Amino acid sequence: MSAHEVISIEGKVVLNVDPGACRLKSQVISWLDDDGLLQCRITSACRNVTDFGESLGGMDPLGVLHLPFSENEVYLKAGVMLKHATCPVPLAVLKAMEVASGLGIKRDVHLTFDR
């Protein structure tokens, strides 16, 4: 499985994140619960990312996609809890939740540097 492969396990969306420089890999799992709220579980080698994941309770599917970015609940929590502005985990959370809610499709995201 590649570092960015998207798979579905029992109705759950799973994203594996290789953040680059820090090398502290994470796995984001999202699903729609019986109450219609999006849930998220993050396992990570980074304690700040793990704490961030624990802070995300059940979220309204439309609220997850709230714009502008500066008012999005996921990005607001990430801005308080994470120590690196370019951490890709908040984006992974949003992508996983978007797919889990049925509001997005499974398409991998890639960031690559020209060398």
C-alpha atoms as a PDB file:
ATOM      1  CA  MET A   1       0.000   0.000   0.000  1.00  0.00           C
ATOM      2  CA  SER A   2       1.398   3.405  -0.946  1.00  0.00           C
ATOM      3  CA  ALA A   3       1.661   6.236   1.579  1.00  0.00           C
ATOM      4  CA  HIS A   4      -1.317   7.996  -0.005  1.00  0.00           C
ATOM      5  CA  GLU A   5      -3.554   5.092  -0.950  1.00  0.00           C
ATOM      6  CA  VAL A   6      -7.246   5.525  -0.163  1.00  0.00           C
ATOM      7  CA  ILE A   7      -9.064   2.358   0.868  1.00  0.00           C
ATOM      8  CA  SER A   8     -12.447   1.611   2.396  1.00  0.00           C
ATOM      9  CA  ILE A   9     -12.842  -0.798   5.321  1.00  0.00           C
ATOM     10  CA  GLU A  10     -16.365  -1.710   6.407  1.00  0.00           C
ATOM     11  CA  GLY A  11     -17.848   1.605   5.302  1.00  0.00           C
ATOM     12  CA  LYS A  12     -14.891   3.592   6.596  1.00  0.00           C
ATOM     13  CA  VAL A  13     -12.576   5.750   4.546  1.00  0.00           C
ATOM     14  CA  VAL A  14      -8.883   5.325   5.325  1.00  0.00           C
ATOM     15  CA  LEU A  15      -6.143   7.746   4.278  1.00  0.00           C
ATOM     16  CA  ASN A  16      -2.467   7.134   5.015  1.00  0.00           C
ATOM     17  CA  VAL A  17      -0.406  10.304   5.296  1.00  0.00           C
ATOM     18  CA  ASP A  18       3.340  10.626   4.823  1.00  0.00           C
ATOM     19  CA  PRO A  19       3.938  14.256   5.831  1.00  0.00           C
ATOM     20  CA  GLY A  20       7.408  14.607   4.354  1.00  0.00           C
ATOM     21  CA  ALA A  21      10.156  16.223   6.396  1.00  0.00           C
ATOM     22  CA  CYS A  22       9.079  15.189   9.917  1.00  0.00           C
ATOM     23  CA  ARG A  23       8.479  11.555   8.809  1.00  0.00           C
ATOM     24  CA  LEU A  24       5.761  11.141  11.477  1.00  0.00           C
ATOM     25  CA  LYS A  25       3.241   9.136   9.472  1.00  0.00           C
ATOM     26  CA  SER A  26      -0.463   9.193  10.267  1.00  0.00           C
ATOM     27  CA  GLN A  27      -3.574   7.255   9.374  1.00  0.00           C
ATOM     28  CA  VAL A  28      -6.933   9.024   9.188  1.00  0.00           C
ATOM     29  CA  ILE A  29     -10.114   6.941   9.346  1.00  0.00           C
ATOM     30  CA  SER A  30     -13.501   8.565   8.829  1.00  0.00           C
ATOM     31  CA  TRP A  31     -17.062   7.262   8.724  1.00  0.00           C
ATOM     32  CA  LEU A  32     -20.655   8.406   8.941  1.00  0.00           C
ATOM     33  CA  ASP A  33     -22.200   7.221  12.217  1.00  0.00           C
ATOM     34  CA  ASP A  34     -25.785   6.084  12.839  1.00  0.00           C
ATOM     35  CA  ASP A  35     -26.779   9.669  13.757  1.00  0.00           C
ATOM     36  CA  GLY A  36     -25.545  11.034  10.415  1.00  0.00           C
ATOM     37  CA  LEU A  37     -22.461  12.672  11.951  1.00  0.00           C
ATOM     38  CA  LEU A  38     -18.964  12.292  10.603  1.00  0.00           C
ATOM     39  CA  GLN A  39     -16.508  10.634  12.932  1.00  0.00           C
ATOM     40  CA  CYS A  40     -12.742  10.593  12.636  1.00  0.00           C
ATOM     41  CA  ARG A  41      -9.976   8.575  14.245  1.00  0.00           C
ATOM     42  CA  ILE A  42      -6.322   9.412  13.717  1.00  0.00           C
ATOM     43  CA  THR A  43      -3.373   7.258  14.655  1.00  0.00           C
ATOM     44  CA  SER A  44      -0.022   8.963  14.351  1.00  0.00           C
ATOM     45  CA  ALA A  45       3.580   8.931  15.463  1.00  0.00           C
ATOM     46  CA  CYS A  46       3.019  12.625  16.305  1.00  0.00           C
ATOM     47  CA  ARG A  47       1.377  13.256  19.678  1.00  0.00           C
ATOM     48  CA  ASN A  48       0.022  16.646  18.520  1.00  0.00           C
ATOM     49  CA  VAL A  49      -1.710  14.995  15.570  1.00  0.00           C
ATOM     50  CA  THR A  50      -3.153  12.295  17.835  1.00  0.00           C
ATOM     51  CA  ASP A  51      -4.492  14.969  20.210  1.00  0.00           C
ATOM     52  CA  PHE A  52      -5.930  16.868  17.246  1.00  0.00           C
ATOM     53  CA  GLY A  53      -7.766  13.733  16.132  1.00  0.00           C
ATOM     54  CA  GLU A  54      -9.183  13.191  19.612  1.00  0.00           C
ATOM     55  CA  SER A  55     -10.510  16.764  19.623  1.00  0.00           C
ATOM     56  CA  LEU A  56     -12.663  16.130  16.558  1.00  0.00           C
ATOM     57  CA  GLY A  57     -16.064  14.975  17.726  1.00  0.00           C
ATOM     58  CA  GLY A  58     -19.027  14.123  15.548  1.00  0.00           C
ATOM     59  CA  MET A  59     -19.296  16.707  12.806  1.00  0.00           C
ATOM     60  CA  ASP A  60     -22.092  17.762  10.473  1.00  0.00           C
ATOM     61  CA  PRO A  61     -21.232  16.663   6.916  1.00  0.00           C
ATOM     62  CA  LEU A  62     -21.985  20.076   5.404  1.00  0.00           C
ATOM     63  CA  GLY A  63     -20.088  21.833   8.202  1.00  0.00           C
ATOM     64  CA  VAL A  64     -16.945  19.907   7.322  1.00  0.00           C
ATOM     65  CA  LEU A  65     -16.814  21.661   3.959  1.00  0.00           C
ATOM     66  CA  HIS A  66     -17.473  25.105   5.416  1.00  0.00           C
ATOM     67  CA  LEU A  67     -15.725  28.004   3.690  1.00  0.00           C
ATOM     68  CA  PRO A  68     -13.801  30.207   3.966  1.00  0.00           C
ATOM     69  CA  PHE A  69     -10.855  28.122   5.198  1.00  0.00           C
ATOM     70  CA  SER A  70     -10.315  30.587   8.025  1.00  0.00           C
ATOM     71  CA  GLU A  71     -13.709  29.593   9.487  1.00  0.00           C
ATOM     72  CA  ASN A  72     -13.559  25.835   8.891  1.00  0.00           C
ATOM     73  CA  GLU A  73     -13.799  23.947  12.206  1.00  0.00           C
ATOM     74  CA  VAL A  74     -11.151  21.380  11.257  1.00  0.00           C
ATOM     75  CA  TYR A  75      -8.639  24.055  10.264  1.00  0.00           C
ATOM     76  CA  LEU A  76      -9.470  26.139  13.353  1.00  0.00           C
ATOM     77  CA  LYS A  77      -8.713  23.198  15.665  1.00  0.00           C
ATOM     78  CA  ALA A  78      -5.589  22.336  13.691  1.00  0.00           C
ATOM     79  CA  GLY A  79      -4.376  25.932  13.987  1.00  0.00           C
ATOM     80  CA  VAL A  80      -4.534  25.679  17.761  1.00  0.00           C
ATOM     81  CA  MET A  81      -3.252  22.130  18.235  1.00  0.00           C
ATOM     82  CA  LEU A  82      -0.671  21.486  15.531  1.00  0.00           C
ATOM     83  CA  LYS A  83       2.821  22.956  15.545  1.00  0.00           C
ATOM     84  CA  HIS A  84       3.527  23.073  11.815  1.00  0.00           C
ATOM     85  CA  ALA A  85       1.477  25.221   9.436  1.00  0.00           C
ATOM     86  CA  THR A  86       2.019  22.904   6.477  1.00  0.00           C
ATOM     87  CA  CYS A  87       1.025  19.672   8.232  1.00  0.00           C
ATOM     88  CA  PRO A  88      -1.058  17.742   5.658  1.00  0.00           C
ATOM     89  CA  VAL A  89      -3.181  15.915   8.247  1.00  0.00           C
ATOM     90  CA  PRO A  90      -6.007  18.516   8.443  1.00  0.00           C
ATOM     91  CA  LEU A  91      -6.441  18.274   4.667  1.00  0.00           C
ATOM     92  CA  ALA A  92      -6.460  14.464   4.941  1.00  0.00           C
ATOM     93  CA  VAL A  93      -9.165  14.704   7.622  1.00  0.00           C
ATOM     94  CA  LEU A  94     -11.302  16.885   5.364  1.00  0.00           C
ATOM     95  CA  LYS A  95     -10.767  14.646   2.324  1.00  0.00           C
ATOM     96  CA  ALA A  96     -11.621  11.491   4.307  1.00  0.00           C
ATOM     97  CA  MET A  97     -14.724  13.099   5.790  1.00  0.00           C
ATOM     98  CA  GLU A  98     -15.821  14.435   2.409  1.00  0.00           C
ATOM     99  CA  VAL A  99     -15.676  10.931   0.921  1.00  0.00           C
ATOM    100  CA  ALA A 100     -17.218   9.260   3.995  1.00  0.00           C
ATOM    101  CA  SER A 101     -20.176  11.647   3.809  1.00  0.00           C
ATOM    102  CA  GLY A 102     -20.777  10.881   0.140  1.00  0.00           C
ATOM    103  CA  LEU A 103     -19.973  14.483  -0.844  1.00  0.00           C
ATOM    104  CA  GLY A 104     -16.686  13.625  -2.556  1.00  0.00           C
ATOM    105  CA  ILE A 105     -15.048  10.883  -4.561  1.00  0.00           C
ATOM    106  CA  LYS A 106     -11.981   8.773  -3.863  1.00  0.00           C
ATOM    107  CA  ARG A 107      -9.183  10.422  -5.756  1.00  0.00           C
ATOM    108  CA  ASP A 108      -5.645  10.490  -4.441  1.00  0.00           C
ATOM    109  CA  VAL A 109      -3.976  13.811  -3.711  1.00  0.00           C
ATOM    110  CA  HIS A 110      -0.283  14.231  -4.551  1.00  0.00           C
ATOM    111  CA  LEU A 111       2.255  16.906  -3.747  1.00  0.00           C
ATOM    112  CA  THR A 112       5.553  16.368  -5.466  1.00  0.00           C
ATOM    113  CA  PHE A 113       8.603  18.577  -5.848  1.00  0.00           C
ATOM    114  CA  ASP A 114      10.318  18.967  -9.201  1.00  0.00           C
ATOM    115  CA  ARG A 115      13.886  17.768  -8.739  1.00  0.00           C
END
